[in-house]
All heavy atoms as atom14 arrays in JSON, in Angstrom:
{
  "sequence": "RRHLTPGAWDPMLIELVQGAGLARVVRTDQILAAT",
  "atom14_mask": [
    [1, 1, 1, 1, 1, 1, 1, 1, 1, 1, 1, 0, 0, 0],
    [1, 1, 1, 1, 1, 1, 1, 1, 1, 1, 1, 0, 0, 0],
    [1, 1, 1, 1, 1, 1, 1, 1, 1, 1, 0, 0, 0, 0],
    [1, 1, 1, 1, 1, 1, 1, 1, 0, 0, 0, 0, 0, 0],
    [1, 1, 1, 1, 1, 1, 1, 0, 0, 0, 0, 0, 0, 0],
    [1, 1, 1, 1, 1, 1, 1, 0, 0, 0, 0, 0, 0, 0],
    [1, 1, 1, 1, 0, 0, 0, 0, 0, 0, 0, 0, 0, 0],
    [1, 1, 1, 1, 1, 0, 0, 0, 0, 0, 0, 0, 0, 0],
    [1, 1, 1, 1, 1, 1, 1, 1, 1, 1, 1, 1, 1, 1],
    [1, 1, 1, 1, 1, 1, 1, 1, 0, 0, 0, 0, 0, 0],
    [1, 1, 1, 1, 1, 1, 1, 0, 0, 0, 0, 0, 0, 0],
    [1, 1, 1, 1, 1, 1, 1, 1, 0, 0, 0, 0, 0, 0],
    [1, 1, 1, 1, 1, 1, 1, 1, 0, 0, 0, 0, 0, 0],
    [1, 1, 1, 1, 1, 1, 1, 1, 0, 0, 0, 0, 0, 0],
    [1, 1, 1, 1, 1, 1, 1, 1, 1, 0, 0, 0, 0, 0],
    [1, 1, 1, 1, 1, 1, 1, 1, 0, 0, 0, 0, 0, 0],
    [1, 1, 1, 1, 1, 1, 1, 0, 0, 0, 0, 0, 0, 0],
    [1, 1, 1, 1, 1, 1, 1, 1, 1, 0, 0, 0, 0, 0],
    [1, 1, 1, 1, 0, 0, 0, 0, 0, 0, 0, 0, 0, 0],
    [1, 1, 1, 1, 1, 0, 0, 0, 0, 0, 0, 0, 0, 0],
    [1, 1, 1, 1, 0, 0, 0, 0, 0, 0, 0, 0, 0, 0],
    [1, 1, 1, 1, 1, 1, 1, 1, 0, 0, 0, 0, 0, 0],
    [1, 1, 1, 1, 1, 0, 0, 0, 0, 0, 0, 0, 0, 0],
    [1, 1, 1, 1, 1, 1, 1, 1, 1, 1, 1, 0, 0, 0],
    [1, 1, 1, 1, 1, 1, 1, 0, 0, 0, 0, 0, 0, 0],
    [1, 1, 1, 1, 1, 1, 1, 0, 0, 0, 0, 0, 0, 0],
    [1, 1, 1, 1, 1, 1, 1, 1, 1, 1, 1, 0, 0, 0],
    [1, 1, 1, 1, 1, 1, 1, 0, 0, 0, 0, 0, 0, 0],
    [1, 1, 1, 1, 1, 1, 1, 1, 0, 0, 0, 0, 0, 0],
    [1, 1, 1, 1, 1, 1, 1, 1, 1, 0, 0, 0, 0, 0],
    [1, 1, 1, 1, 1, 1, 1, 1, 0, 0, 0, 0, 0, 0],
    [1, 1, 1, 1, 1, 1, 1, 1, 0, 0, 0, 0, 0, 0],
    [1, 1, 1, 1, 1, 0, 0, 0, 0, 0, 0, 0, 0, 0],
    [1, 1, 1, 1, 1, 0, 0, 0, 0, 0, 0, 0, 0, 0],
    [1, 1, 1, 1, 1, 1, 1, 0, 0, 0, 0, 0, 0, 0]
  ],
  "atom14_positions": [
    [[-69.1, -55.41, -48.27], [-69.93, -56.14, -49.23], [-69.15, -56.3, -50.54], [-68.65, -55.32, -51.08], [-71.24, -55.37, -49.48], [-72.24, -56.09, -50.38], [-73.61, -55.45, -50.29], [-73.59, -54.07, -50.76], [-74.56, -53.19, -50.52], [-75.59, -53.54, -49.77], [-74.49, -51.96, -50.99], [0.0, 0.0, 0.0], [0.0, 0.0, 0.0], [0.0, 0.0, 0.0]],
    [[-69.06, -57.53, -51.02], [-68.31, -57.82, -52.23], [-69.24, -58.33, -53.33], [-70.11, -59.16, -53.07], [-67.2, -58.84, -51.96], [-66.13, -58.32, -51.02], [-64.98, -59.28, -50.85], [-63.9, -58.65, -50.08], [-62.61, -58.73, -50.38], [-62.23, -59.44, -51.44], [-61.71, -58.14, -49.64], [0.0, 0.0, 0.0], [0.0, 0.0, 0.0], [0.0, 0.0, 0.0]],
    [[-69.01, -57.85, -54.55], [-69.77, -58.3, -55.71], [-68.84, -59.12, -56.61], [-67.78, -58.62, -57.02], [-70.32, -57.1, -56.48], [-71.21, -56.21, -55.66], [-72.59, -56.22, -55.79], [-70.93, -55.3, -54.69], [-73.11, -55.35, -54.94], [-72.13, -54.77, -54.27], [0.0, 0.0, 0.0], [0.0, 0.0, 0.0], [0.0, 0.0, 0.0], [0.0, 0.0, 0.0]],
    [[-69.23, -60.35, -56.9], [-68.4, -61.23, -57.7], [-69.22, -61.86, -58.81], [-70.42, -62.13, -58.66], [-67.8, -62.35, -56.84], [-66.92, -61.96, -55.65], [-67.75, -61.92, -54.38], [-65.77, -62.94, -55.5], [0.0, 0.0, 0.0], [0.0, 0.0, 0.0], [0.0, 0.0, 0.0], [0.0, 0.0, 0.0], [0.0, 0.0, 0.0], [0.0, 0.0, 0.0]],
    [[-68.55, -62.1, -59.93], [-69.15, -62.95, -60.95], [-69.23, -64.37, -60.4], [-68.28, -64.84, -59.76], [-68.28, -62.92, -62.22], [-68.19, -61.57, -62.69], [-68.88, -63.81, -63.31], [0.0, 0.0, 0.0], [0.0, 0.0, 0.0], [0.0, 0.0, 0.0], [0.0, 0.0, 0.0], [0.0, 0.0, 0.0], [0.0, 0.0, 0.0], [0.0, 0.0, 0.0]],
    [[-70.33, -65.06, -60.59], [-70.43, -66.42, -60.03], [-69.24, -67.29, -60.42], [-68.87, -67.38, -61.59], [-71.73, -66.95, -60.66], [-72.56, -65.73, -60.88], [-71.58, -64.65, -61.26], [0.0, 0.0, 0.0], [0.0, 0.0, 0.0], [0.0, 0.0, 0.0], [0.0, 0.0, 0.0], [0.0, 0.0, 0.0], [0.0, 0.0, 0.0], [0.0, 0.0, 0.0]],
    [[-68.6, -67.87, -59.41], [-67.46, -68.75, -59.62], [-66.12, -68.05, -59.6], [-65.08, -68.7, -59.57], [0.0, 0.0, 0.0], [0.0, 0.0, 0.0], [0.0, 0.0, 0.0], [0.0, 0.0, 0.0], [0.0, 0.0, 0.0], [0.0, 0.0, 0.0], [0.0, 0.0, 0.0], [0.0, 0.0, 0.0], [0.0, 0.0, 0.0], [0.0, 0.0, 0.0]],
    [[-66.14, -66.68, -59.6], [-64.87, -65.94, -59.62], [-64.33, -65.78, -58.21], [-65.08, -65.76, -57.22], [-65.07, -64.57, -60.27], [0.0, 0.0, 0.0], [0.0, 0.0, 0.0], [0.0, 0.0, 0.0], [0.0, 0.0, 0.0], [0.0, 0.0, 0.0], [0.0, 0.0, 0.0], [0.0, 0.0, 0.0], [0.0, 0.0, 0.0], [0.0, 0.0, 0.0]],
    [[-62.99, -65.64, -58.1], [-62.36, -65.43, -56.8], [-62.21, -63.94, -56.49], [-62.34, -63.52, -55.35], [-60.98, -66.09, -56.77], [-61.02, -67.58, -56.77], [-60.75, -68.41, -57.82], [-61.39, -68.42, -55.67], [-60.92, -69.72, -57.46], [-61.31, -69.76, -56.13], [-61.78, -68.18, -54.36], [-61.61, -70.85, -55.32], [-62.06, -69.27, -53.54], [-61.98, -70.58, -54.02]],
    [[-61.93, -63.15, -57.51], [-61.67, -61.73, -57.29], [-62.95, -60.92, -57.48], [-63.68, -61.1, -58.47], [-60.6, -61.22, -58.26], [-59.25, -61.86, -58.02], [-58.94, -62.11, -56.84], [-58.53, -62.12, -59.0], [0.0, 0.0, 0.0], [0.0, 0.0, 0.0], [0.0, 0.0, 0.0], [0.0, 0.0, 0.0], [0.0, 0.0, 0.0], [0.0, 0.0, 0.0]],
    [[-63.25, -60.02, -56.55], [-64.48, -59.23, -56.64], [-64.4, -58.16, -57.74], [-63.34, -57.61, -58.02], [-64.58, -58.59, -55.26], [-63.17, -58.5, -54.78], [-62.48, -59.71, -55.33], [0.0, 0.0, 0.0], [0.0, 0.0, 0.0], [0.0, 0.0, 0.0], [0.0, 0.0, 0.0], [0.0, 0.0, 0.0], [0.0, 0.0, 0.0], [0.0, 0.0, 0.0]],
    [[-65.54, -57.92, -58.38], [-65.65, -56.8, -59.32], [-65.78, -55.48, -58.59], [-65.37, -54.44, -59.07], [-66.87, -56.98, -60.21], [-66.87, -58.21, -61.08], [-68.35, -58.23, -62.14], [-69.64, -58.31, -60.89], [0.0, 0.0, 0.0], [0.0, 0.0, 0.0], [0.0, 0.0, 0.0], [0.0, 0.0, 0.0], [0.0, 0.0, 0.0], [0.0, 0.0, 0.0]],
    [[-66.38, -55.52, -57.4], [-66.69, -54.31, -56.65], [-66.65, -54.63, -55.17], [-67.19, -55.65, -54.72], [-68.07, -53.78, -57.04], [-68.63, -52.58, -56.28], [-67.77, -51.34, -56.53], [-70.07, -52.32, -56.67], [0.0, 0.0, 0.0], [0.0, 0.0, 0.0], [0.0, 0.0, 0.0], [0.0, 0.0, 0.0], [0.0, 0.0, 0.0], [0.0, 0.0, 0.0]],
    [[-66.0, -53.75, -54.39], [-65.99, -53.86, -52.93], [-66.63, -52.6, -52.36], [-66.31, -51.48, -52.78], [-64.56, -54.0, -52.38], [-63.84, -55.18, -53.04], [-64.59, -54.18, -50.85], [-62.38, -55.29, -52.63], [0.0, 0.0, 0.0], [0.0, 0.0, 0.0], [0.0, 0.0, 0.0], [0.0, 0.0, 0.0], [0.0, 0.0, 0.0], [0.0, 0.0, 0.0]],
    [[-67.54, -52.77, -51.41], [-68.23, -51.63, -50.79], [-68.17, -51.74, -49.27], [-68.28, -52.83, -48.71], [-69.69, -51.57, -51.22], [-69.89, -51.32, -52.71], [-71.34, -51.46, -53.11], [-72.02, -52.36, -52.58], [-71.78, -50.67, -53.97], [0.0, 0.0, 0.0], [0.0, 0.0, 0.0], [0.0, 0.0, 0.0], [0.0, 0.0, 0.0], [0.0, 0.0, 0.0]],
    [[-68.01, -50.58, -48.63], [-68.18, -50.48, -47.18], [-69.6, -49.97, -46.94], [-69.99, -48.93, -47.49], [-67.15, -49.53, -46.58], [-65.69, -49.93, -46.74], [-64.77, -48.87, -46.15], [-65.41, -51.28, -46.08], [0.0, 0.0, 0.0], [0.0, 0.0, 0.0], [0.0, 0.0, 0.0], [0.0, 0.0, 0.0], [0.0, 0.0, 0.0], [0.0, 0.0, 0.0]],
    [[-70.36, -50.69, -46.14], [-71.77, -50.39, -45.95], [-72.01, -50.01, -44.49], [-71.63, -50.74, -43.57], [-72.65, -51.6, -46.33], [-74.13, -51.26, -46.15], [-72.36, -52.02, -47.76], [0.0, 0.0, 0.0], [0.0, 0.0, 0.0], [0.0, 0.0, 0.0], [0.0, 0.0, 0.0], [0.0, 0.0, 0.0], [0.0, 0.0, 0.0], [0.0, 0.0, 0.0]],
    [[-72.66, -48.87, -44.31], [-72.95, -48.34, -42.97], [-74.37, -48.71, -42.56], [-75.32, -48.49, -43.31], [-72.79, -46.82, -42.99], [-73.03, -46.12, -41.66], [-72.86, -44.61, -41.81], [-73.36, -44.01, -42.75], [-72.12, -43.99, -40.9], [0.0, 0.0, 0.0], [0.0, 0.0, 0.0], [0.0, 0.0, 0.0], [0.0, 0.0, 0.0], [0.0, 0.0, 0.0]],
    [[-74.51, -49.27, -41.38], [-75.85, -49.63, -40.9], [-76.57, -48.5, -40.2], [-77.79, -48.42, -40.23], [0.0, 0.0, 0.0], [0.0, 0.0, 0.0], [0.0, 0.0, 0.0], [0.0, 0.0, 0.0], [0.0, 0.0, 0.0], [0.0, 0.0, 0.0], [0.0, 0.0, 0.0], [0.0, 0.0, 0.0], [0.0, 0.0, 0.0], [0.0, 0.0, 0.0]],
    [[-75.83, -47.6, -39.56], [-76.43, -46.5, -38.81], [-76.36, -45.21, -39.64], [-76.02, -45.22, -40.82], [-75.7, -46.32, -37.48], [0.0, 0.0, 0.0], [0.0, 0.0, 0.0], [0.0, 0.0, 0.0], [0.0, 0.0, 0.0], [0.0, 0.0, 0.0], [0.0, 0.0, 0.0], [0.0, 0.0, 0.0], [0.0, 0.0, 0.0], [0.0, 0.0, 0.0]],
    [[-76.71, -44.09, -38.98], [-76.57, -42.78, -39.61], [-77.37, -42.67, -40.89], [-78.58, -42.94, -40.93], [0.0, 0.0, 0.0], [0.0, 0.0, 0.0], [0.0, 0.0, 0.0], [0.0, 0.0, 0.0], [0.0, 0.0, 0.0], [0.0, 0.0, 0.0], [0.0, 0.0, 0.0], [0.0, 0.0, 0.0], [0.0, 0.0, 0.0], [0.0, 0.0, 0.0]],
    [[-76.68, -42.28, -41.97], [-77.33, -42.11, -43.27], [-77.15, -43.33, -44.18], [-77.36, -43.23, -45.39], [-76.79, -40.85, -43.95], [-77.13, -39.54, -43.21], [-76.46, -38.36, -43.88], [-78.63, -39.33, -43.14], [0.0, 0.0, 0.0], [0.0, 0.0, 0.0], [0.0, 0.0, 0.0], [0.0, 0.0, 0.0], [0.0, 0.0, 0.0], [0.0, 0.0, 0.0]],
    [[-76.75, -44.45, -43.6], [-76.66, -45.72, -44.34], [-75.85, -45.57, -45.62], [-76.26, -46.0, -46.7], [-78.06, -46.27, -44.63], [0.0, 0.0, 0.0], [0.0, 0.0, 0.0], [0.0, 0.0, 0.0], [0.0, 0.0, 0.0], [0.0, 0.0, 0.0], [0.0, 0.0, 0.0], [0.0, 0.0, 0.0], [0.0, 0.0, 0.0], [0.0, 0.0, 0.0]],
    [[-74.71, -44.96, -45.51], [-73.88, -44.71, -46.7], [-73.28, -46.02, -47.23], [-73.02, -46.96, -46.48], [-72.74, -43.74, -46.36], [-73.21, -42.33, -46.05], [-72.03, -41.49, -45.59], [-72.39, -40.1, -45.37], [-72.91, -39.63, -44.24], [-73.12, -40.46, -43.24], [-73.19, -38.35, -44.13], [0.0, 0.0, 0.0], [0.0, 0.0, 0.0], [0.0, 0.0, 0.0]],
    [[-73.03, -46.02, -48.53], [-72.35, -47.11, -49.2], [-71.14, -46.5, -49.92], [-71.3, -45.62, -50.77], [-73.26, -47.83, -50.2], [-72.49, -48.92, -50.94], [-74.46, -48.43, -49.48], [0.0, 0.0, 0.0], [0.0, 0.0, 0.0], [0.0, 0.0, 0.0], [0.0, 0.0, 0.0], [0.0, 0.0, 0.0], [0.0, 0.0, 0.0], [0.0, 0.0, 0.0]],
    [[-69.93, -46.94, -49.56], [-68.7, -46.35, -50.07], [-67.96, -47.38, -50.91], [-67.6, -48.46, -50.42], [-67.79, -45.87, -48.92], [-66.5, -45.28, -49.46], [-68.53, -44.84, -48.05], [0.0, 0.0, 0.0], [0.0, 0.0, 0.0], [0.0, 0.0, 0.0], [0.0, 0.0, 0.0], [0.0, 0.0, 0.0], [0.0, 0.0, 0.0], [0.0, 0.0, 0.0]],
    [[-67.72, -47.05, -52.19], [-66.93, -47.94, -53.03], [-65.46, -47.86, -52.6], [-64.95, -46.78, -52.3], [-67.06, -47.53, -54.5], [-68.46, -47.73, -55.04], [-68.53, -47.45, -56.53], [-67.71, -48.39, -57.29], [-67.75, -48.51, -58.61], [-68.57, -47.74, -59.33], [-66.97, -49.39, -59.24], [0.0, 0.0, 0.0], [0.0, 0.0, 0.0], [0.0, 0.0, 0.0]],
    [[-64.81, -48.99, -52.6], [-63.44, -49.02, -52.09], [-62.61, -50.02, -52.9], [-63.11, -50.69, -53.81], [-63.42, -49.39, -50.6], [-62.08, -49.36, -50.12], [-64.01, -50.77, -50.37], [0.0, 0.0, 0.0], [0.0, 0.0, 0.0], [0.0, 0.0, 0.0], [0.0, 0.0, 0.0], [0.0, 0.0, 0.0], [0.0, 0.0, 0.0], [0.0, 0.0, 0.0]],
    [[-61.33, -50.1, -52.56], [-60.45, -51.09, -53.18], [-59.94, -52.05, -52.1], [-60.27, -51.9, -50.91], [-59.3, -50.42, -53.93], [-58.46, -49.51, -53.03], [-58.49, -49.69, -51.78], [-57.76, -48.63, -53.56], [0.0, 0.0, 0.0], [0.0, 0.0, 0.0], [0.0, 0.0, 0.0], [0.0, 0.0, 0.0], [0.0, 0.0, 0.0], [0.0, 0.0, 0.0]],
    [[-59.1, -52.99, -52.5], [-58.61, -54.01, -51.57], [-57.81, -53.4, -50.42], [-57.96, -53.8, -49.27], [-57.73, -55.01, -52.34], [-58.48, -55.87, -53.35], [-59.09, -57.11, -52.7], [-59.27, -57.17, -51.48], [-59.43, -58.09, -53.52], [0.0, 0.0, 0.0], [0.0, 0.0, 0.0], [0.0, 0.0, 0.0], [0.0, 0.0, 0.0], [0.0, 0.0, 0.0]],
    [[-56.98, -52.41, -50.74], [-56.11, -51.85, -49.7], [-56.92, -51.08, -48.66], [-56.72, -51.27, -47.45], [-55.03, -50.95, -50.33], [-54.06, -51.81, -51.15], [-54.28, -50.16, -49.26], [-52.99, -51.01, -51.86], [0.0, 0.0, 0.0], [0.0, 0.0, 0.0], [0.0, 0.0, 0.0], [0.0, 0.0, 0.0], [0.0, 0.0, 0.0], [0.0, 0.0, 0.0]],
    [[-57.85, -50.23, -49.11], [-58.66, -49.48, -48.15], [-59.54, -50.42, -47.34], [-59.69, -50.28, -46.12], [-59.5, -48.43, -48.86], [-60.41, -47.59, -47.96], [-59.61, -46.82, -46.91], [-61.25, -46.61, -48.78], [0.0, 0.0, 0.0], [0.0, 0.0, 0.0], [0.0, 0.0, 0.0], [0.0, 0.0, 0.0], [0.0, 0.0, 0.0], [0.0, 0.0, 0.0]],
    [[-60.15, -51.41, -48.0], [-61.02, -52.34, -47.29], [-60.23, -53.11, -46.23], [-60.69, -53.28, -45.09], [-61.65, -53.32, -48.28], [0.0, 0.0, 0.0], [0.0, 0.0, 0.0], [0.0, 0.0, 0.0], [0.0, 0.0, 0.0], [0.0, 0.0, 0.0], [0.0, 0.0, 0.0], [0.0, 0.0, 0.0], [0.0, 0.0, 0.0], [0.0, 0.0, 0.0]],
    [[-59.03, -53.57, -46.58], [-58.21, -54.31, -45.61], [-57.78, -53.4, -44.47], [-57.74, -53.82, -43.3], [-56.99, -54.89, -46.31], [0.0, 0.0, 0.0], [0.0, 0.0, 0.0], [0.0, 0.0, 0.0], [0.0, 0.0, 0.0], [0.0, 0.0, 0.0], [0.0, 0.0, 0.0], [0.0, 0.0, 0.0], [0.0, 0.0, 0.0], [0.0, 0.0, 0.0]],
    [[-57.47, -52.15, -44.78], [-57.06, -51.2, -43.74], [-58.21, -50.95, -42.77], [-58.03, -51.01, -41.54], [-56.61, -49.87, -44.37], [-55.5, -50.11, -45.23], [-56.22, -48.87, -43.3], [0.0, 0.0, 0.0], [0.0, 0.0, 0.0], [0.0, 0.0, 0.0], [0.0, 0.0, 0.0], [0.0, 0.0, 0.0], [0.0, 0.0, 0.0], [0.0, 0.0, 0.0]]
  ]
}
């Protein structure tokens, strides 16, 4: 999940979101998200 200012290309915040288990939300950066 990416959060962007409207019209911007680069995200302010990137999150990995889990649908199962405890539905965790993990803040991440570009390298971890791409990995």
